[in-house]
């Protein structure tokens, strides 16, 4: 997957930013062309700009690969990009009503 890190190829993991590490993790997840991606808070520890970059990369790569994607997130923008959103509250999983912004596959 093209994750924009070609210039950081020789850097050790500790020298990468949080956003760069997230992009490496996404590339590692996509390299074997999985039919389904399972992601836990892919933008959770990132600043706003890095979160947007990883979110757009994730959406683009899922669209290109055609993989299904199941993710856990507190990122409202990422959740709005999903075809279906479920909310877990007090141990009960309930569907949320689709929002007008929804519709891009995640």
C-alpha atoms as a PDB file:
ATOM      1  CA  UNK A   1       0.000   0.000   0.000  1.00  0.00           C
ATOM      2  CA  UNK A   2       1.245   3.479  -0.773  1.00  0.00           C
ATOM      3  CA  UNK A   3       1.382   5.120   2.621  1.00  0.00           C
ATOM      4  CA  UNK A   4       3.775   7.970   1.866  1.00  0.00           C
ATOM      5  CA  UNK A   5       6.745   6.798   3.922  1.00  0.00           C
ATOM      6  CA  UNK A   6       9.301   5.991   1.227  1.00  0.00           C
ATOM      7  CA  UNK A   7      11.639   8.671   2.610  1.00  0.00           C
ATOM      8  CA  UNK A   8      11.503   7.119   6.094  1.00  0.00           C
ATOM      9  CA  UNK A   9      12.468   3.594   4.998  1.00  0.00           C
ATOM     10  CA  UNK A  10      15.764   3.542   6.917  1.00  0.00           C
ATOM     11  CA  UNK A  11      14.345   5.072  10.127  1.00  0.00           C
ATOM     12  CA  UNK A  12      13.843   3.028  13.290  1.00  0.00           C
ATOM     13  CA  UNK A  13      10.290   2.827  14.690  1.00  0.00           C
ATOM     14  CA  UNK A  14      11.181   5.158  17.584  1.00  0.00           C
ATOM     15  CA  UNK A  15      12.066   7.876  15.048  1.00  0.00           C
ATOM     16  CA  UNK A  16       8.593   7.781  13.471  1.00  0.00           C
ATOM     17  CA  UNK A  17       5.717  10.011  14.544  1.00  0.00           C
ATOM     18  CA  UNK A  18       2.417   8.565  15.762  1.00  0.00           C
ATOM     19  CA  UNK A  19       0.830   9.196  12.377  1.00  0.00           C
ATOM     20  CA  UNK A  20       3.725   7.527  10.590  1.00  0.00           C
ATOM     21  CA  UNK A  21       3.479   4.510  12.885  1.00  0.00           C
ATOM     22  CA  UNK A  22      -0.249   4.262  12.174  1.00  0.00           C
ATOM     23  CA  UNK A  23       0.424   4.355   8.440  1.00  0.00           C
ATOM     24  CA  UNK A  24       3.040   1.595   8.824  1.00  0.00           C
ATOM     25  CA  UNK A  25       0.497  -0.500  10.752  1.00  0.00           C
ATOM     26  CA  UNK A  26      -2.084   0.046   8.013  1.00  0.00           C
ATOM     27  CA  UNK A  27       0.418  -0.911   5.301  1.00  0.00           C
ATOM     28  CA  UNK A  28       1.329  -4.070   7.218  1.00  0.00           C
ATOM     29  CA  UNK A  29      -2.355  -4.948   7.532  1.00  0.00           C
ATOM     30  CA  UNK A  30      -2.973  -4.447   3.802  1.00  0.00           C
ATOM     31  CA  UNK A  31       0.155  -6.092   2.365  1.00  0.00           C
ATOM     32  CA  UNK A  32      -1.409  -9.559   2.281  1.00  0.00           C
ATOM     33  CA  UNK A  33      -4.621  -8.244   0.673  1.00  0.00           C
ATOM     34  CA  UNK A  34      -7.022  -9.368   3.401  1.00  0.00           C
ATOM     35  CA  UNK A  35     -10.724  -9.711   2.710  1.00  0.00           C
ATOM     36  CA  UNK A  36     -11.488  -8.091   6.067  1.00  0.00           C
ATOM     37  CA  UNK A  37      -9.595  -5.569   8.194  1.00  0.00           C
ATOM     38  CA  UNK A  38     -10.099  -5.429  11.967  1.00  0.00           C
ATOM     39  CA  UNK A  39      -8.967  -2.081  13.368  1.00  0.00           C
ATOM     40  CA  UNK A  40      -9.015  -0.864  16.967  1.00  0.00           C
ATOM     41  CA  UNK A  41      -8.881   2.934  17.286  1.00  0.00           C
ATOM     42  CA  UNK A  42      -6.768   3.551  14.150  1.00  0.00           C
ATOM     43  CA  UNK A  43      -6.765   7.310  14.810  1.00  0.00           C
ATOM     44  CA  UNK A  44      -7.115   7.232  18.603  1.00  0.00           C
ATOM     45  CA  UNK A  45      -3.682   8.484  19.670  1.00  0.00           C
ATOM     46  CA  UNK A  46      -3.119  10.972  16.845  1.00  0.00           C
ATOM     47  CA  UNK A  47      -3.343  14.745  16.632  1.00  0.00           C
ATOM     48  CA  UNK A  48      -6.072  16.163  14.371  1.00  0.00           C
ATOM     49  CA  UNK A  49      -3.897  16.529  11.250  1.00  0.00           C
ATOM     50  CA  UNK A  50      -2.359  13.051  11.546  1.00  0.00           C
ATOM     51  CA  UNK A  51      -5.783  11.580  12.291  1.00  0.00           C
ATOM     52  CA  UNK A  52      -7.216  13.123   9.118  1.00  0.00           C
ATOM     53  CA  UNK A  53      -4.291  11.811   7.058  1.00  0.00           C
ATOM     54  CA  UNK A  54      -4.637   8.274   8.426  1.00  0.00           C
ATOM     55  CA  UNK A  55      -8.443   8.403   8.048  1.00  0.00           C
ATOM     56  CA  UNK A  56      -8.166   9.409   4.368  1.00  0.00           C
ATOM     57  CA  UNK A  57      -5.478   6.790   3.738  1.00  0.00           C
ATOM     58  CA  UNK A  58      -7.628   4.120   5.377  1.00  0.00           C
ATOM     59  CA  UNK A  59     -10.714   5.075   3.359  1.00  0.00           C
ATOM     60  CA  UNK A  60      -8.750   5.182   0.110  1.00  0.00           C
ATOM     61  CA  UNK A  61      -7.042   1.834   0.705  1.00  0.00           C
ATOM     62  CA  UNK A  62     -10.288   0.100   1.706  1.00  0.00           C
ATOM     63  CA  UNK A  63     -11.978   1.479  -1.409  1.00  0.00           C
ATOM     64  CA  UNK A  64      -9.069   0.361  -3.639  1.00  0.00           C
ATOM     65  CA  UNK A  65      -8.695  -3.098  -2.078  1.00  0.00           C
ATOM     66  CA  UNK A  66     -12.398  -3.832  -1.725  1.00  0.00           C
ATOM     67  CA  UNK A  67     -11.772  -5.259   1.753  1.00  0.00           C
ATOM     68  CA  UNK A  68     -14.471  -5.208   4.382  1.00  0.00           C
ATOM     69  CA  UNK A  69     -13.506  -3.197   7.435  1.00  0.00           C
ATOM     70  CA  UNK A  70     -14.681  -3.579  11.013  1.00  0.00           C
ATOM     71  CA  UNK A  71     -13.326  -0.916  13.313  1.00  0.00           C
ATOM     72  CA  UNK A  72     -13.707   0.430  16.804  1.00  0.00           C
ATOM     73  CA  UNK A  73     -13.423   4.196  17.067  1.00  0.00           C
ATOM     74  CA  UNK A  74     -14.307   7.299  19.041  1.00  0.00           C
ATOM     75  CA  UNK A  75     -13.502   9.383  15.928  1.00  0.00           C
ATOM     76  CA  UNK A  76     -16.877  10.820  14.856  1.00  0.00           C
ATOM     77  CA  UNK A  77     -15.572  11.775  11.404  1.00  0.00           C
ATOM     78  CA  UNK A  78     -14.339   8.242  10.784  1.00  0.00           C
ATOM     79  CA  UNK A  79     -17.624   6.776  12.049  1.00  0.00           C
ATOM     80  CA  UNK A  80     -19.596   9.056   9.694  1.00  0.00           C
ATOM     81  CA  UNK A  81     -17.660   7.533   6.787  1.00  0.00           C
ATOM     82  CA  UNK A  82     -18.985   4.048   7.534  1.00  0.00           C
ATOM     83  CA  UNK A  83     -21.829   2.278   5.781  1.00  0.00           C
ATOM     84  CA  UNK A  84     -23.116   1.056   9.128  1.00  0.00           C
ATOM     85  CA  UNK A  85     -22.464   2.325  12.661  1.00  0.00           C
ATOM     86  CA  UNK A  86     -23.207   0.467  15.871  1.00  0.00           C
ATOM     87  CA  UNK A  87     -23.022   1.889  19.381  1.00  0.00           C
ATOM     88  CA  UNK A  88     -21.951  -0.179  22.389  1.00  0.00           C
ATOM     89  CA  UNK A  89     -23.486   1.142  25.582  1.00  0.00           C
ATOM     90  CA  UNK A  90     -23.794  -0.731  28.879  1.00  0.00           C
ATOM     91  CA  UNK A  91     -22.885  -3.984  27.141  1.00  0.00           C
ATOM     92  CA  UNK A  92     -25.632  -3.617  24.516  1.00  0.00           C
ATOM     93  CA  UNK A  93     -24.835  -3.174  20.824  1.00  0.00           C
ATOM     94  CA  UNK A  94     -27.390  -1.046  18.950  1.00  0.00           C
ATOM     95  CA  UNK A  95     -27.456   0.328  15.400  1.00  0.00           C
ATOM     96  CA  UNK A  96     -27.344   4.087  15.017  1.00  0.00           C
ATOM     97  CA  UNK A  97     -29.553   5.795  12.474  1.00  0.00           C
ATOM     98  CA  UNK A  98     -27.642   6.656   9.284  1.00  0.00           C
ATOM     99  CA  UNK A  99     -26.448  10.233   9.124  1.00  0.00           C
ATOM    100  CA  UNK A 100     -26.539  12.230   5.866  1.00  0.00           C
ATOM    101  CA  UNK A 101     -22.708  12.198   5.768  1.00  0.00           C
ATOM    102  CA  UNK A 102     -22.584   8.382   5.837  1.00  0.00           C
ATOM    103  CA  UNK A 103     -22.184   6.247   2.786  1.00  0.00           C
ATOM    104  CA  UNK A 104     -18.473   5.785   2.084  1.00  0.00           C
ATOM    105  CA  UNK A 105     -17.366   2.206   2.677  1.00  0.00           C
ATOM    106  CA  UNK A 106     -15.242   1.552   5.734  1.00  0.00           C
END
